N, C-alpha and C. Protein backbone atom coordinates (compact mmCIF):
# COMPACT_ATOMS: atom_id res chain seq x y z
N UNK A 1 0.90 -1.16 -0.05
CA UNK A 1 0.05 0.00 -0.05
C UNK A 1 0.84 1.25 0.01
N UNK A 2 0.58 2.14 -0.88
CA UNK A 2 1.43 3.45 -0.87
C UNK A 2 1.01 4.38 0.24
N UNK A 3 1.87 5.36 0.46
CA UNK A 3 1.71 6.35 1.51
C UNK A 3 0.33 7.14 1.42
N UNK A 4 -0.06 7.43 0.16
CA UNK A 4 -1.22 8.23 -0.03
C UNK A 4 -2.47 7.38 0.26
N UNK A 5 -2.48 6.18 -0.15
CA UNK A 5 -3.53 5.24 0.13
C UNK A 5 -3.70 4.95 1.64
N UNK A 6 -2.58 4.84 2.22
CA UNK A 6 -2.57 4.64 3.75
C UNK A 6 -2.99 5.90 4.43
N UNK A 7 -2.68 6.99 4.05
CA UNK A 7 -3.15 8.26 4.63
C UNK A 7 -4.69 8.50 4.44
N UNK A 8 -5.18 8.12 3.34
CA UNK A 8 -6.59 8.16 3.00
C UNK A 8 -7.35 7.19 3.83
N UNK A 9 -6.78 6.03 4.01
CA UNK A 9 -7.50 5.02 4.85
C UNK A 9 -7.53 5.49 6.29
N UNK A 10 -6.44 6.06 6.81
CA UNK A 10 -6.39 6.59 8.17
C UNK A 10 -7.53 7.74 8.37
N UNK A 11 -7.60 8.63 7.29
CA UNK A 11 -8.63 9.67 7.36
C UNK A 11 -10.05 9.04 7.37
N UNK A 12 -10.25 8.07 6.55
CA UNK A 12 -11.64 7.41 6.61
C UNK A 12 -11.91 6.90 7.89
N UNK A 13 -10.94 6.18 8.56
CA UNK A 13 -11.11 5.63 9.91
C UNK A 13 -11.41 6.75 10.90
N UNK A 14 -10.67 7.82 10.81
CA UNK A 14 -10.90 8.89 11.78
C UNK A 14 -12.31 9.53 11.60
N UNK A 15 -12.83 9.62 10.38
CA UNK A 15 -14.10 10.22 10.16
C UNK A 15 -15.10 9.19 10.71
N UNK A 16 -15.00 7.96 10.51
CA UNK A 16 -15.93 7.01 10.95
C UNK A 16 -15.89 6.93 12.52
N UNK A 17 -14.80 6.98 13.15
CA UNK A 17 -14.73 7.05 14.61
C UNK A 17 -15.42 8.29 15.15
N UNK A 18 -15.17 9.44 14.50
CA UNK A 18 -15.78 10.73 14.85
C UNK A 18 -17.30 10.61 14.77
N UNK A 19 -17.78 10.06 13.74
CA UNK A 19 -19.27 9.97 13.47
C UNK A 19 -19.93 9.10 14.58
N UNK A 20 -19.15 8.04 14.90
CA UNK A 20 -19.68 7.09 15.99
C UNK A 20 -19.73 7.73 17.33
N UNK A 21 -18.57 8.54 17.68
CA UNK A 21 -18.52 9.29 18.92
C UNK A 21 -19.72 10.23 18.98
N UNK A 22 -19.95 10.91 17.82
CA UNK A 22 -20.99 12.02 17.84
C UNK A 22 -22.39 11.38 18.11
N UNK A 23 -22.59 10.16 17.67
CA UNK A 23 -23.84 9.56 17.98
C UNK A 23 -23.97 8.77 19.32
N UNK A 24 -22.83 8.91 20.10
CA UNK A 24 -22.86 8.33 21.38
C UNK A 24 -22.20 7.04 21.64
N UNK A 25 -21.72 6.44 20.45
CA UNK A 25 -21.06 5.14 20.60
C UNK A 25 -19.71 5.29 21.29
N UNK A 26 -19.25 4.16 21.87
CA UNK A 26 -18.00 4.19 22.56
C UNK A 26 -17.11 2.96 22.01
N UNK A 27 -15.86 3.32 21.79
CA UNK A 27 -15.03 2.28 21.25
C UNK A 27 -14.35 1.65 22.55
N UNK A 28 -14.32 0.22 22.60
CA UNK A 28 -13.73 -0.41 23.66
C UNK A 28 -12.94 -1.57 23.22
N UNK A 29 -11.73 -1.68 23.70
CA UNK A 29 -10.94 -2.95 23.24
C UNK A 29 -10.89 -3.90 24.52
N UNK A 30 -11.18 -5.11 24.16
CA UNK A 30 -11.17 -6.18 25.20
C UNK A 30 -10.39 -7.33 24.71
N UNK A 31 -9.87 -8.08 25.47
CA UNK A 31 -9.14 -9.37 25.28
C UNK A 31 -10.16 -10.53 25.44
N UNK A 32 -10.37 -11.33 24.56
CA UNK A 32 -11.34 -12.42 24.67
C UNK A 32 -10.56 -13.74 24.76
N UNK A 33 -11.06 -14.61 25.66
CA UNK A 33 -10.60 -15.98 25.76
C UNK A 33 -10.68 -16.68 24.32
N UNK A 34 -9.76 -17.51 23.98
CA UNK A 34 -9.70 -18.18 22.67
C UNK A 34 -11.09 -18.80 22.37
N UNK A 35 -11.70 -19.57 23.40
CA UNK A 35 -12.94 -20.23 23.05
C UNK A 35 -14.03 -19.18 22.71
N UNK A 36 -14.13 -18.04 23.25
CA UNK A 36 -15.17 -17.08 22.92
C UNK A 36 -14.87 -16.51 21.53
N UNK A 37 -13.60 -16.22 21.27
CA UNK A 37 -13.27 -15.71 19.94
C UNK A 37 -13.60 -16.74 18.83
N UNK A 38 -13.28 -17.97 19.13
CA UNK A 38 -13.58 -19.04 18.18
C UNK A 38 -15.09 -19.18 17.97
N UNK A 39 -15.86 -19.05 18.96
CA UNK A 39 -17.37 -19.08 18.91
C UNK A 39 -17.88 -17.98 18.04
N UNK A 40 -17.31 -16.79 18.25
CA UNK A 40 -17.72 -15.60 17.56
C UNK A 40 -17.40 -15.79 16.13
N UNK A 41 -16.24 -16.29 15.83
CA UNK A 41 -15.80 -16.42 14.42
C UNK A 41 -16.70 -17.56 13.70
N UNK A 42 -17.01 -18.57 14.51
CA UNK A 42 -17.89 -19.60 13.87
C UNK A 42 -19.32 -19.07 13.56
N UNK A 43 -19.90 -18.18 14.53
CA UNK A 43 -21.17 -17.65 14.27
C UNK A 43 -21.16 -16.66 13.05
N UNK A 44 -20.03 -15.91 12.86
CA UNK A 44 -19.95 -15.15 11.69
C UNK A 44 -19.83 -15.90 10.42
N UNK A 45 -18.91 -16.98 10.42
CA UNK A 45 -18.69 -17.91 9.19
C UNK A 45 -20.00 -18.57 8.90
N UNK A 46 -20.82 -19.01 9.78
CA UNK A 46 -21.96 -19.68 9.58
C UNK A 46 -23.16 -18.80 9.05
N UNK A 47 -22.95 -17.50 9.12
CA UNK A 47 -23.87 -16.50 8.55
C UNK A 47 -24.89 -16.08 9.63
N UNK A 48 -24.71 -16.42 10.84
CA UNK A 48 -25.59 -16.03 11.94
C UNK A 48 -25.49 -14.57 12.09
N UNK A 49 -24.28 -14.02 11.92
CA UNK A 49 -24.06 -12.53 12.07
C UNK A 49 -23.13 -12.15 10.88
N UNK A 50 -23.32 -10.91 10.41
CA UNK A 50 -22.60 -10.47 9.29
C UNK A 50 -21.08 -10.10 9.59
N UNK A 51 -20.86 -9.77 10.91
CA UNK A 51 -19.57 -9.44 11.39
C UNK A 51 -19.33 -9.77 12.79
N UNK A 52 -18.05 -9.72 13.18
CA UNK A 52 -17.76 -9.85 14.63
C UNK A 52 -18.37 -8.72 15.49
N UNK A 53 -18.31 -7.52 14.88
CA UNK A 53 -18.88 -6.40 15.71
C UNK A 53 -20.36 -6.57 15.98
N UNK A 54 -21.10 -7.00 14.94
CA UNK A 54 -22.50 -7.21 15.08
C UNK A 54 -22.74 -8.37 16.19
N UNK A 55 -21.98 -9.48 16.06
CA UNK A 55 -22.17 -10.52 16.99
C UNK A 55 -21.90 -10.10 18.43
N UNK A 56 -20.84 -9.43 18.64
CA UNK A 56 -20.41 -8.92 19.95
C UNK A 56 -21.45 -7.99 20.50
N UNK A 57 -21.93 -7.03 19.69
CA UNK A 57 -22.91 -6.09 20.04
C UNK A 57 -24.14 -6.75 20.51
N UNK A 58 -24.55 -7.73 19.68
CA UNK A 58 -25.79 -8.50 19.93
C UNK A 58 -25.66 -9.24 21.32
N UNK A 59 -24.56 -9.79 21.64
CA UNK A 59 -24.33 -10.51 22.85
C UNK A 59 -24.35 -9.57 24.07
N UNK A 60 -23.71 -8.38 23.95
CA UNK A 60 -23.70 -7.36 25.03
C UNK A 60 -25.01 -6.81 25.25
N UNK A 61 -25.73 -6.57 24.15
CA UNK A 61 -27.18 -6.02 24.29
C UNK A 61 -28.03 -7.03 25.05
N UNK A 62 -27.92 -8.26 24.65
CA UNK A 62 -28.78 -9.28 25.27
C UNK A 62 -28.44 -9.49 26.84
N UNK A 63 -27.16 -9.14 27.22
CA UNK A 63 -26.80 -9.36 28.57
C UNK A 63 -27.07 -8.11 29.45
N UNK A 64 -27.00 -6.92 28.82
CA UNK A 64 -26.98 -5.68 29.57
C UNK A 64 -28.14 -4.73 29.39
N UNK A 65 -28.84 -4.90 28.26
CA UNK A 65 -29.91 -3.88 28.00
C UNK A 65 -31.31 -4.50 28.28
N UNK A 66 -31.99 -3.97 29.18
CA UNK A 66 -33.36 -4.39 29.57
C UNK A 66 -34.36 -3.89 28.54
N UNK A 67 -35.12 -4.74 27.87
CA UNK A 67 -36.10 -4.50 26.94
C UNK A 67 -37.44 -4.72 27.51
N UNK A 68 -38.49 -3.90 27.11
CA UNK A 68 -39.78 -4.13 27.55
C UNK A 68 -40.31 -5.38 26.86
N UNK A 69 -40.92 -6.28 27.56
CA UNK A 69 -41.51 -7.40 26.90
C UNK A 69 -42.73 -6.97 26.08
N UNK A 70 -42.88 -7.70 24.88
CA UNK A 70 -44.11 -7.43 24.06
C UNK A 70 -45.29 -8.13 24.66
N UNK A 71 -46.26 -7.35 25.12
CA UNK A 71 -47.48 -7.89 25.71
C UNK A 71 -48.57 -7.43 24.83
N UNK A 72 -49.61 -8.31 24.74
CA UNK A 72 -50.75 -7.96 23.97
C UNK A 72 -51.80 -7.90 25.00
N UNK A 73 -52.57 -6.75 25.06
CA UNK A 73 -53.64 -6.62 25.97
C UNK A 73 -54.96 -6.61 25.31
């Protein structure tokens, strides 16, 4: 990759991070045990999730975000 392409890539990444910060998202780096990483990779490879990010976000949401149950009255 040449220097100009590398600089353009860094600029795109900076813009994406800034957009996400502006909407209130937070970037977090975590170390995962191998078996969890493998399970995430398998879920993505099988088509259950389109990306690792989506798989991890789904799992965190399921564990930490309380949702109102759908009730029919």
